[in-house]
């Protein structure tokens, strides 16, 4: 076998996505890097290209081609594509598109595995139901919902509730009415998970008409939700046309800032 370090030929690239990448040098040693035009992906995206090694004056034979596959995964909170849900706004907004209105779980692509011992915050824009309100809400899950958010021990959240007026905290199939102030189209829900206490607690605050309201009473999160060590921000879009917009970092945050002291953005914790 020859010594690769003795290769004096040239390197080049080809293929469908080669324009998104650069070679740091056309001779060895060389690294494959993304170029300035490569966009940040909002869904898992696969790029395919070829690296071509053309022999130099000291080598014999023809050029060799090596296929390369690069997978880009989102590093900020975006929704996963879900049946009967329309994604928009770079996959940060999810709208229920059914004709009758059913609870549909829409998960963040990011799954947190390093939350223990931290206070974590994300925001969910409340787009309501065709300008009004629906029955869904926001929270966390670690498995497919059985019916709706909070109906089992693997999810918990603050929802608008029956008729969009009961404003429940739902967890472990226990429903606490009047647990928060609810939201209407144009509001933002700040979701606060405190993982410094046992059991962990969940609370919300709502930005309405440019001002953040009072923080709700922190409620215990069921052990089934935290047992796996993986927590996923989740929206329950119930009514036809109901929509939510997720944000896990300062770049998309509401104004004025709702990040409480001592909390960190969800996108910054271990995933």
Foldseek 3Di string as FASTA:
>chain_A
DDDLVPFPFFKDKADDQCVQWDWPGRGPPTDIGGDPVNDQALAWDKDKMKMWTAGDPVDDDGIDIDIDIDIHHHLWWAWDDDPQWDADPSRQKIWRADPAWFWDKIWTPDKFQFCAQAKEKKKKAWQAAVQWHDWKFKWKFDDDDDRHAQLALRHWGFTLHDVNPQGWTHHHNDTDGPQDDGDTGPKMKMWIWANNDPPIWIWIWMQDPQDIDDIGPTDGRHCNNPVVSIMIIIITHTGHGTMMGIGQDPVPADPPHPDDPRYHGPSPHHD
